[in-house]
Amino acid sequence: SSFRYSLENTRLFLNLLLYGTNQELIPDYVTANPYTECAYYPESK
């Protein structure tokens, strides 16, 4: 019905993207804690 940016709502939005594309809700290279995020650079490991 609406969307407002917050750390909690950002994780909700990511979860909806994952659920909508039939992926695990916490796949590899996604933090378990919604107040944190991460990025992985394969070439540098």
All heavy atoms as atom14 arrays in JSON, in Angstrom:
{
  "sequence": "SSFRYSLENTRLFLNLLLYGTNQELIPDYVTANPYTECAYYPESK",
  "atom14_mask": [
    [1, 1, 1, 1, 1, 1, 0, 0, 0, 0, 0, 0, 0, 0],
    [1, 1, 1, 1, 1, 1, 0, 0, 0, 0, 0, 0, 0, 0],
    [1, 1, 1, 1, 1, 1, 1, 1, 1, 1, 1, 0, 0, 0],
    [1, 1, 1, 1, 1, 1, 1, 1, 1, 1, 1, 0, 0, 0],
    [1, 1, 1, 1, 1, 1, 1, 1, 1, 1, 1, 1, 0, 0],
    [1, 1, 1, 1, 1, 1, 0, 0, 0, 0, 0, 0, 0, 0],
    [1, 1, 1, 1, 1, 1, 1, 1, 0, 0, 0, 0, 0, 0],
    [1, 1, 1, 1, 1, 1, 1, 1, 1, 0, 0, 0, 0, 0],
    [1, 1, 1, 1, 1, 1, 1, 1, 0, 0, 0, 0, 0, 0],
    [1, 1, 1, 1, 1, 1, 1, 0, 0, 0, 0, 0, 0, 0],
    [1, 1, 1, 1, 1, 1, 1, 1, 1, 1, 1, 0, 0, 0],
    [1, 1, 1, 1, 1, 1, 1, 1, 0, 0, 0, 0, 0, 0],
    [1, 1, 1, 1, 1, 1, 1, 1, 1, 1, 1, 0, 0, 0],
    [1, 1, 1, 1, 1, 1, 1, 1, 0, 0, 0, 0, 0, 0],
    [1, 1, 1, 1, 1, 1, 1, 1, 0, 0, 0, 0, 0, 0],
    [1, 1, 1, 1, 1, 1, 1, 1, 0, 0, 0, 0, 0, 0],
    [1, 1, 1, 1, 1, 1, 1, 1, 0, 0, 0, 0, 0, 0],
    [1, 1, 1, 1, 1, 1, 1, 1, 0, 0, 0, 0, 0, 0],
    [1, 1, 1, 1, 1, 1, 1, 1, 1, 1, 1, 1, 0, 0],
    [1, 1, 1, 1, 0, 0, 0, 0, 0, 0, 0, 0, 0, 0],
    [1, 1, 1, 1, 1, 1, 1, 0, 0, 0, 0, 0, 0, 0],
    [1, 1, 1, 1, 1, 1, 1, 1, 0, 0, 0, 0, 0, 0],
    [1, 1, 1, 1, 1, 1, 1, 1, 1, 0, 0, 0, 0, 0],
    [1, 1, 1, 1, 1, 1, 1, 1, 1, 0, 0, 0, 0, 0],
    [1, 1, 1, 1, 1, 1, 1, 1, 0, 0, 0, 0, 0, 0],
    [1, 1, 1, 1, 1, 1, 1, 1, 0, 0, 0, 0, 0, 0],
    [1, 1, 1, 1, 1, 1, 1, 0, 0, 0, 0, 0, 0, 0],
    [1, 1, 1, 1, 1, 1, 1, 1, 0, 0, 0, 0, 0, 0],
    [1, 1, 1, 1, 1, 1, 1, 1, 1, 1, 1, 1, 0, 0],
    [1, 1, 1, 1, 1, 1, 1, 0, 0, 0, 0, 0, 0, 0],
    [1, 1, 1, 1, 1, 1, 1, 0, 0, 0, 0, 0, 0, 0],
    [1, 1, 1, 1, 1, 0, 0, 0, 0, 0, 0, 0, 0, 0],
    [1, 1, 1, 1, 1, 1, 1, 1, 0, 0, 0, 0, 0, 0],
    [1, 1, 1, 1, 1, 1, 1, 0, 0, 0, 0, 0, 0, 0],
    [1, 1, 1, 1, 1, 1, 1, 1, 1, 1, 1, 1, 0, 0],
    [1, 1, 1, 1, 1, 1, 1, 0, 0, 0, 0, 0, 0, 0],
    [1, 1, 1, 1, 1, 1, 1, 1, 1, 0, 0, 0, 0, 0],
    [1, 1, 1, 1, 1, 1, 0, 0, 0, 0, 0, 0, 0, 0],
    [1, 1, 1, 1, 1, 0, 0, 0, 0, 0, 0, 0, 0, 0],
    [1, 1, 1, 1, 1, 1, 1, 1, 1, 1, 1, 1, 0, 0],
    [1, 1, 1, 1, 1, 1, 1, 1, 1, 1, 1, 1, 0, 0],
    [1, 1, 1, 1, 1, 1, 1, 0, 0, 0, 0, 0, 0, 0],
    [1, 1, 1, 1, 1, 1, 1, 1, 1, 0, 0, 0, 0, 0],
    [1, 1, 1, 1, 1, 1, 0, 0, 0, 0, 0, 0, 0, 0],
    [1, 1, 1, 1, 1, 1, 1, 1, 1, 0, 0, 0, 0, 0]
  ],
  "atom14_positions": [
    [[0.82, -1.22, 0.0], [0.0, 0.0, 0.0], [0.84, 1.26, 0.0], [0.39, 2.32, -0.41], [-0.95, 0.0, 1.2], [-0.23, -0.13, 2.4], [0.0, 0.0, 0.0], [0.0, 0.0, 0.0], [0.0, 0.0, 0.0], [0.0, 0.0, 0.0], [0.0, 0.0, 0.0], [0.0, 0.0, 0.0], [0.0, 0.0, 0.0], [0.0, 0.0, 0.0]],
    [[2.09, 1.18, 0.48], [3.03, 2.29, 0.4], [4.41, 1.75, 0.73], [4.56, 0.59, 1.11], [2.66, 3.42, 1.38], [2.8, 2.97, 2.71], [0.0, 0.0, 0.0], [0.0, 0.0, 0.0], [0.0, 0.0, 0.0], [0.0, 0.0, 0.0], [0.0, 0.0, 0.0], [0.0, 0.0, 0.0], [0.0, 0.0, 0.0], [0.0, 0.0, 0.0]],
    [[5.42, 2.59, 0.56], [6.78, 2.18, 0.92], [7.56, 3.4, 1.35], [7.57, 4.43, 0.66], [7.49, 1.5, -0.25], [8.84, 0.94, 0.14], [8.92, -0.29, 0.77], [10.0, 1.65, -0.09], [10.15, -0.81, 1.16], [11.24, 1.14, 0.29], [11.31, -0.1, 0.92], [0.0, 0.0, 0.0], [0.0, 0.0, 0.0], [0.0, 0.0, 0.0]],
    [[8.21, 3.28, 2.51], [9.09, 4.33, 3.02], [10.44, 3.73, 3.37], [10.52, 2.69, 4.02], [8.48, 5.01, 4.27], [7.28, 5.88, 3.93], [7.7, 7.07, 3.06], [6.6, 7.91, 2.64], [5.93, 7.79, 1.51], [6.21, 6.77, 0.69], [4.98, 8.62, 1.17], [0.0, 0.0, 0.0], [0.0, 0.0, 0.0], [0.0, 0.0, 0.0]],
    [[11.48, 4.38, 2.92], [12.83, 3.85, 3.13], [13.19, 3.8, 4.61], [13.02, 4.77, 5.35], [13.86, 4.71, 2.39], [15.28, 4.3, 2.7], [15.84, 3.17, 2.11], [16.05, 5.02, 3.6], [17.13, 2.78, 2.4], [17.35, 4.63, 3.9], [17.88, 3.51, 3.3], [19.16, 3.11, 3.61], [0.0, 0.0, 0.0], [0.0, 0.0, 0.0]],
    [[13.65, 2.67, 5.05], [14.24, 2.47, 6.37], [15.09, 1.22, 6.25], [14.99, 0.47, 5.27], [13.17, 2.29, 7.45], [12.48, 1.06, 7.29], [0.0, 0.0, 0.0], [0.0, 0.0, 0.0], [0.0, 0.0, 0.0], [0.0, 0.0, 0.0], [0.0, 0.0, 0.0], [0.0, 0.0, 0.0], [0.0, 0.0, 0.0], [0.0, 0.0, 0.0]],
    [[15.93, 0.97, 7.22], [16.76, -0.24, 7.16], [15.9, -1.49, 7.2], [16.15, -2.46, 6.46], [17.76, -0.24, 8.32], [18.74, 0.94, 8.36], [19.71, 0.8, 9.52], [19.49, 1.09, 7.04], [0.0, 0.0, 0.0], [0.0, 0.0, 0.0], [0.0, 0.0, 0.0], [0.0, 0.0, 0.0], [0.0, 0.0, 0.0], [0.0, 0.0, 0.0]],
    [[14.86, -1.46, 8.03], [13.97, -2.62, 8.12], [13.19, -2.82, 6.83], [13.05, -3.95, 6.33], [13.0, -2.44, 9.29], [13.67, -2.35, 10.65], [14.07, -0.93, 11.03], [13.99, -0.03, 10.14], [14.44, -0.71, 12.19], [0.0, 0.0, 0.0], [0.0, 0.0, 0.0], [0.0, 0.0, 0.0], [0.0, 0.0, 0.0], [0.0, 0.0, 0.0]],
    [[12.68, -1.73, 6.27], [11.9, -1.85, 5.04], [12.77, -2.21, 3.84], [12.31, -2.86, 2.89], [11.14, -0.56, 4.76], [9.91, -0.42, 5.64], [9.59, -1.31, 6.42], [9.21, 0.69, 5.52], [0.0, 0.0, 0.0], [0.0, 0.0, 0.0], [0.0, 0.0, 0.0], [0.0, 0.0, 0.0], [0.0, 0.0, 0.0], [0.0, 0.0, 0.0]],
    [[14.02, -1.79, 3.87], [14.93, -2.17, 2.79], [15.15, -3.68, 2.79], [15.14, -4.32, 1.73], [16.27, -1.44, 2.94], [16.06, -0.03, 2.78], [17.28, -1.9, 1.9], [0.0, 0.0, 0.0], [0.0, 0.0, 0.0], [0.0, 0.0, 0.0], [0.0, 0.0, 0.0], [0.0, 0.0, 0.0], [0.0, 0.0, 0.0], [0.0, 0.0, 0.0]],
    [[15.31, -4.26, 3.98], [15.44, -5.71, 4.04], [14.14, -6.39, 3.62], [14.17, -7.43, 2.94], [15.86, -6.16, 5.44], [16.0, -7.68, 5.6], [16.9, -8.33, 4.51], [18.22, -7.82, 4.52], [19.26, -8.39, 5.13], [19.09, -9.51, 5.79], [20.46, -7.85, 5.05], [0.0, 0.0, 0.0], [0.0, 0.0, 0.0], [0.0, 0.0, 0.0]],
    [[13.01, -5.83, 4.01], [11.73, -6.37, 3.55], [11.68, -6.38, 2.03], [11.26, -7.38, 1.41], [10.57, -5.55, 4.1], [9.19, -5.83, 3.47], [8.74, -7.25, 3.77], [8.16, -4.82, 3.96], [0.0, 0.0, 0.0], [0.0, 0.0, 0.0], [0.0, 0.0, 0.0], [0.0, 0.0, 0.0], [0.0, 0.0, 0.0], [0.0, 0.0, 0.0]],
    [[12.13, -5.29, 1.4], [12.06, -5.21, -0.05], [12.97, -6.25, -0.7], [12.59, -6.9, -1.68], [12.43, -3.8, -0.52], [11.8, -3.44, -1.82], [10.48, -2.98, -1.87], [12.49, -3.56, -3.02], [9.88, -2.67, -3.08], [11.89, -3.25, -4.22], [10.59, -2.8, -4.25], [0.0, 0.0, 0.0], [0.0, 0.0, 0.0], [0.0, 0.0, 0.0]],
    [[14.17, -6.42, -0.15], [15.06, -7.46, -0.66], [14.41, -8.83, -0.52], [14.46, -9.65, -1.44], [16.4, -7.42, 0.08], [17.39, -8.54, -0.28], [17.74, -8.51, -1.76], [18.64, -8.44, 0.57], [0.0, 0.0, 0.0], [0.0, 0.0, 0.0], [0.0, 0.0, 0.0], [0.0, 0.0, 0.0], [0.0, 0.0, 0.0], [0.0, 0.0, 0.0]],
    [[13.78, -9.08, 0.62], [13.11, -10.36, 0.83], [12.01, -10.59, -0.2], [11.82, -11.71, -0.7], [12.52, -10.43, 2.24], [13.59, -10.57, 3.31], [14.75, -10.82, 3.01], [13.19, -10.41, 4.56], [0.0, 0.0, 0.0], [0.0, 0.0, 0.0], [0.0, 0.0, 0.0], [0.0, 0.0, 0.0], [0.0, 0.0, 0.0], [0.0, 0.0, 0.0]],
    [[11.27, -9.54, -0.52], [10.21, -9.68, -1.53], [10.79, -9.99, -2.9], [10.22, -10.78, -3.67], [9.36, -8.4, -1.57], [8.51, -8.12, -0.34], [7.83, -6.76, -0.46], [7.47, -9.22, -0.11], [0.0, 0.0, 0.0], [0.0, 0.0, 0.0], [0.0, 0.0, 0.0], [0.0, 0.0, 0.0], [0.0, 0.0, 0.0], [0.0, 0.0, 0.0]],
    [[11.92, -9.37, -3.23], [12.58, -9.66, -4.5], [13.02, -11.12, -4.54], [12.86, -11.81, -5.57], [13.79, -8.74, -4.7], [13.53, -7.24, -4.82], [14.84, -6.48, -4.96], [12.62, -6.93, -6.0], [0.0, 0.0, 0.0], [0.0, 0.0, 0.0], [0.0, 0.0, 0.0], [0.0, 0.0, 0.0], [0.0, 0.0, 0.0], [0.0, 0.0, 0.0]],
    [[13.59, -11.59, -3.44], [14.06, -12.97, -3.39], [12.89, -13.95, -3.44], [12.93, -14.95, -4.17], [14.89, -13.19, -2.12], [16.23, -12.44, -2.08], [16.8, -12.44, -0.67], [17.21, -13.07, -3.06], [0.0, 0.0, 0.0], [0.0, 0.0, 0.0], [0.0, 0.0, 0.0], [0.0, 0.0, 0.0], [0.0, 0.0, 0.0], [0.0, 0.0, 0.0]],
    [[11.85, -13.67, -2.67], [10.69, -14.55, -2.65], [10.02, -14.57, -4.02], [9.59, -15.63, -4.5], [9.7, -14.08, -1.58], [8.53, -15.01, -1.4], [8.64, -16.15, -0.6], [7.3, -14.75, -2.01], [7.56, -17.01, -0.43], [6.23, -15.61, -1.84], [6.36, -16.73, -1.05], [5.3, -17.59, -0.89], [0.0, 0.0, 0.0], [0.0, 0.0, 0.0]],
    [[9.93, -13.41, -4.64], [9.29, -13.33, -5.95], [10.04, -14.06, -7.03], [9.46, -14.48, -8.04], [0.0, 0.0, 0.0], [0.0, 0.0, 0.0], [0.0, 0.0, 0.0], [0.0, 0.0, 0.0], [0.0, 0.0, 0.0], [0.0, 0.0, 0.0], [0.0, 0.0, 0.0], [0.0, 0.0, 0.0], [0.0, 0.0, 0.0], [0.0, 0.0, 0.0]],
    [[11.35, -14.24, -6.84], [12.17, -14.94, -7.83], [12.55, -16.34, -7.35], [13.5, -16.95, -7.87], [13.42, -14.13, -8.17], [14.1, -13.76, -6.96], [13.07, -12.86, -8.93], [0.0, 0.0, 0.0], [0.0, 0.0, 0.0], [0.0, 0.0, 0.0], [0.0, 0.0, 0.0], [0.0, 0.0, 0.0], [0.0, 0.0, 0.0], [0.0, 0.0, 0.0]],
    [[11.84, -16.81, -6.33], [11.99, -18.19, -5.84], [13.4, -18.5, -5.35], [13.95, -19.58, -5.61], [11.57, -19.19, -6.93], [10.14, -19.0, -7.37], [9.24, -18.92, -6.55], [9.93, -18.89, -8.68], [0.0, 0.0, 0.0], [0.0, 0.0, 0.0], [0.0, 0.0, 0.0], [0.0, 0.0, 0.0], [0.0, 0.0, 0.0], [0.0, 0.0, 0.0]],
    [[14.01, -17.54, -4.64], [15.34, -17.74, -4.06], [15.23, -17.79, -2.54], [14.25, -17.35, -1.94], [16.28, -16.6, -4.48], [16.46, -16.47, -5.99], [17.47, -15.41, -6.35], [18.63, -15.47, -5.97], [17.03, -14.4, -7.12], [0.0, 0.0, 0.0], [0.0, 0.0, 0.0], [0.0, 0.0, 0.0], [0.0, 0.0, 0.0], [0.0, 0.0, 0.0]],
    [[16.29, -18.33, -1.91], [16.34, -18.34, -0.45], [16.3, -16.91, 0.07], [16.84, -15.99, -0.55], [17.63, -19.01, 0.02], [17.76, -20.48, -0.31], [19.07, -21.05, 0.19], [19.63, -20.5, 1.17], [19.55, -22.03, -0.4], [0.0, 0.0, 0.0], [0.0, 0.0, 0.0], [0.0, 0.0, 0.0], [0.0, 0.0, 0.0], [0.0, 0.0, 0.0]],
    [[15.7, -16.73, 1.24], [15.58, -15.38, 1.79], [16.9, -14.84, 2.32], [17.08, -13.62, 2.4], [14.51, -15.35, 2.89], [13.08, -15.57, 2.4], [12.09, -15.47, 3.55], [12.72, -14.58, 1.29], [0.0, 0.0, 0.0], [0.0, 0.0, 0.0], [0.0, 0.0, 0.0], [0.0, 0.0, 0.0], [0.0, 0.0, 0.0], [0.0, 0.0, 0.0]],
    [[17.81, -15.72, 2.72], [19.16, -15.27, 3.09], [20.15, -16.12, 2.3], [20.74, -17.08, 2.82], [19.41, -15.39, 4.61], [18.32, -14.67, 5.4], [20.77, -14.78, 4.96], [18.51, -14.73, 6.9], [0.0, 0.0, 0.0], [0.0, 0.0, 0.0], [0.0, 0.0, 0.0], [0.0, 0.0, 0.0], [0.0, 0.0, 0.0], [0.0, 0.0, 0.0]],
    [[20.34, -15.79, 1.04], [21.27, -16.57, 0.21], [22.72, -16.22, 0.54], [22.98, -15.37, 1.4], [20.9, -16.12, -1.21], [20.42, -14.72, -1.03], [19.73, -14.69, 0.3], [0.0, 0.0, 0.0], [0.0, 0.0, 0.0], [0.0, 0.0, 0.0], [0.0, 0.0, 0.0], [0.0, 0.0, 0.0], [0.0, 0.0, 0.0], [0.0, 0.0, 0.0]],
    [[23.64, -16.85, -0.14], [25.04, -16.49, 0.03], [25.25, -15.0, -0.27], [24.62, -14.43, -1.17], [25.92, -17.31, -0.92], [26.09, -18.75, -0.46], [25.64, -19.07, 0.67], [26.67, -19.55, -1.22], [0.0, 0.0, 0.0], [0.0, 0.0, 0.0], [0.0, 0.0, 0.0], [0.0, 0.0, 0.0], [0.0, 0.0, 0.0], [0.0, 0.0, 0.0]],
    [[26.15, -14.39, 0.5], [26.56, -13.0, 0.32], [25.43, -12.01, 0.6], [25.37, -10.93, 0.01], [27.16, -12.78, -1.08], [28.32, -13.72, -1.33], [28.22, -14.76, -2.24], [29.51, -13.59, -0.6], [29.26, -15.64, -2.45], [30.57, -14.47, -0.8], [30.44, -15.5, -1.73], [31.48, -16.37, -1.92], [0.0, 0.0, 0.0], [0.0, 0.0, 0.0]],
    [[24.56, -12.4, 1.52], [23.56, -11.49, 2.08], [23.65, -11.61, 3.6], [23.65, -12.73, 4.13], [22.13, -11.81, 1.6], [21.09, -11.01, 2.38], [22.0, -11.5, 0.11], [0.0, 0.0, 0.0], [0.0, 0.0, 0.0], [0.0, 0.0, 0.0], [0.0, 0.0, 0.0], [0.0, 0.0, 0.0], [0.0, 0.0, 0.0], [0.0, 0.0, 0.0]],
    [[23.73, -10.5, 4.29], [23.88, -10.53, 5.75], [22.59, -11.02, 6.41], [21.48, -10.74, 5.94], [24.24, -9.15, 6.3], [23.19, -8.23, 5.95], [25.56, -8.65, 5.76], [0.0, 0.0, 0.0], [0.0, 0.0, 0.0], [0.0, 0.0, 0.0], [0.0, 0.0, 0.0], [0.0, 0.0, 0.0], [0.0, 0.0, 0.0], [0.0, 0.0, 0.0]],
    [[22.76, -11.71, 7.54], [21.6, -12.18, 8.29], [20.93, -11.05, 9.06], [19.73, -11.1, 9.33], [22.03, -13.29, 9.26], [0.0, 0.0, 0.0], [0.0, 0.0, 0.0], [0.0, 0.0, 0.0], [0.0, 0.0, 0.0], [0.0, 0.0, 0.0], [0.0, 0.0, 0.0], [0.0, 0.0, 0.0], [0.0, 0.0, 0.0], [0.0, 0.0, 0.0]],
    [[21.68, -10.02, 9.4], [21.18, -8.9, 10.2], [20.74, -7.77, 9.25], [21.56, -7.25, 8.49], [22.3, -8.41, 11.13], [21.84, -7.29, 12.06], [20.92, -6.55, 11.76], [22.52, -7.16, 13.19], [0.0, 0.0, 0.0], [0.0, 0.0, 0.0], [0.0, 0.0, 0.0], [0.0, 0.0, 0.0], [0.0, 0.0, 0.0], [0.0, 0.0, 0.0]],
    [[19.48, -7.37, 9.27], [19.0, -6.34, 8.32], [19.61, -4.96, 8.53], [19.48, -4.1, 7.66], [17.49, -6.3, 8.57], [17.29, -6.86, 9.93], [18.38, -7.88, 10.12], [0.0, 0.0, 0.0], [0.0, 0.0, 0.0], [0.0, 0.0, 0.0], [0.0, 0.0, 0.0], [0.0, 0.0, 0.0], [0.0, 0.0, 0.0], [0.0, 0.0, 0.0]],
    [[20.28, -4.73, 9.65], [20.93, -3.44, 9.87], [22.32, -3.41, 9.26], [23.01, -2.39, 9.34], [20.99, -3.14, 11.37], [19.62, -2.98, 11.97], [19.02, -4.02, 12.67], [18.9, -1.8, 11.8], [17.73, -3.9, 13.19], [17.61, -1.66, 12.32], [17.04, -2.72, 13.01], [15.77, -2.59, 13.53], [0.0, 0.0, 0.0], [0.0, 0.0, 0.0]],
    [[22.71, -4.51, 8.66], [24.0, -4.6, 7.99], [23.8, -5.03, 6.54], [22.77, -5.62, 6.19], [24.92, -5.62, 8.7], [24.33, -6.93, 8.6], [25.11, -5.25, 10.16], [0.0, 0.0, 0.0], [0.0, 0.0, 0.0], [0.0, 0.0, 0.0], [0.0, 0.0, 0.0], [0.0, 0.0, 0.0], [0.0, 0.0, 0.0], [0.0, 0.0, 0.0]],
    [[24.79, -4.75, 5.72], [24.79, -5.2, 4.33], [26.21, -5.59, 3.97], [27.17, -5.25, 4.68], [24.28, -4.11, 3.38], [22.79, -3.83, 3.53], [22.29, -2.75, 2.58], [22.85, -1.63, 2.61], [21.34, -3.02, 1.83], [0.0, 0.0, 0.0], [0.0, 0.0, 0.0], [0.0, 0.0, 0.0], [0.0, 0.0, 0.0], [0.0, 0.0, 0.0]],
    [[26.36, -6.26, 2.84], [27.7, -6.64, 2.41], [27.78, -6.64, 0.89], [26.76, -6.63, 0.19], [28.08, -8.01, 2.96], [27.16, -9.39, 2.26], [0.0, 0.0, 0.0], [0.0, 0.0, 0.0], [0.0, 0.0, 0.0], [0.0, 0.0, 0.0], [0.0, 0.0, 0.0], [0.0, 0.0, 0.0], [0.0, 0.0, 0.0], [0.0, 0.0, 0.0]],
    [[29.02, -6.65, 0.4], [29.28, -6.76, -1.03], [30.5, -7.66, -1.21], [31.5, -7.51, -0.49], [29.53, -5.39, -1.65], [0.0, 0.0, 0.0], [0.0, 0.0, 0.0], [0.0, 0.0, 0.0], [0.0, 0.0, 0.0], [0.0, 0.0, 0.0], [0.0, 0.0, 0.0], [0.0, 0.0, 0.0], [0.0, 0.0, 0.0], [0.0, 0.0, 0.0]],
    [[30.41, -8.58, -2.16], [31.5, -9.52, -2.4], [32.12, -9.25, -3.77], [31.42, -9.09, -4.77], [30.99, -10.96, -2.34], [32.06, -11.98, -2.66], [33.26, -12.01, -1.95], [31.87, -12.93, -3.67], [34.25, -12.94, -2.25], [32.85, -13.87, -3.97], [34.04, -13.87, -3.25], [35.01, -14.79, -3.55], [0.0, 0.0, 0.0], [0.0, 0.0, 0.0]],
    [[33.47, -9.2, -3.79], [34.23, -8.94, -5.01], [35.01, -10.21, -5.35], [36.08, -10.47, -4.78], [35.16, -7.74, -4.81], [34.4, -6.49, -4.45], [34.07, -6.2, -3.13], [33.97, -5.6, -5.43], [33.33, -5.08, -2.79], [33.24, -4.47, -5.11], [32.93, -4.22, -3.78], [32.21, -3.1, -3.46], [0.0, 0.0, 0.0], [0.0, 0.0, 0.0]],
    [[34.47, -11.04, -6.26], [35.06, -12.36, -6.53], [36.52, -12.32, -6.98], [37.31, -13.18, -6.58], [34.16, -12.93, -7.63], [32.86, -12.21, -7.47], [33.22, -10.84, -7.01], [0.0, 0.0, 0.0], [0.0, 0.0, 0.0], [0.0, 0.0, 0.0], [0.0, 0.0, 0.0], [0.0, 0.0, 0.0], [0.0, 0.0, 0.0], [0.0, 0.0, 0.0]],
    [[36.89, -11.33, -7.8], [38.26, -11.29, -8.3], [39.27, -11.08, -7.17], [40.38, -11.61, -7.2], [38.41, -10.17, -9.34], [37.66, -10.42, -10.63], [38.15, -11.66, -11.36], [39.38, -11.89, -11.39], [37.3, -12.43, -11.86], [0.0, 0.0, 0.0], [0.0, 0.0, 0.0], [0.0, 0.0, 0.0], [0.0, 0.0, 0.0], [0.0, 0.0, 0.0]],
    [[38.89, -10.27, -6.17], [39.77, -9.99, -5.03], [39.54, -10.96, -3.89], [40.33, -10.97, -2.93], [39.54, -8.56, -4.54], [39.59, -7.63, -5.59], [0.0, 0.0, 0.0], [0.0, 0.0, 0.0], [0.0, 0.0, 0.0], [0.0, 0.0, 0.0], [0.0, 0.0, 0.0], [0.0, 0.0, 0.0], [0.0, 0.0, 0.0], [0.0, 0.0, 0.0]],
    [[38.43, -11.73, -3.97], [38.0, -12.59, -2.86], [37.85, -11.79, -1.57], [38.21, -12.25, -0.47], [38.95, -13.77, -2.67], [38.86, -14.82, -3.8], [39.7, -16.02, -3.47], [39.41, -17.18, -4.43], [39.56, -16.82, -5.85], [0.0, 0.0, 0.0], [0.0, 0.0, 0.0], [0.0, 0.0, 0.0], [0.0, 0.0, 0.0], [0.0, 0.0, 0.0]]
  ]
}
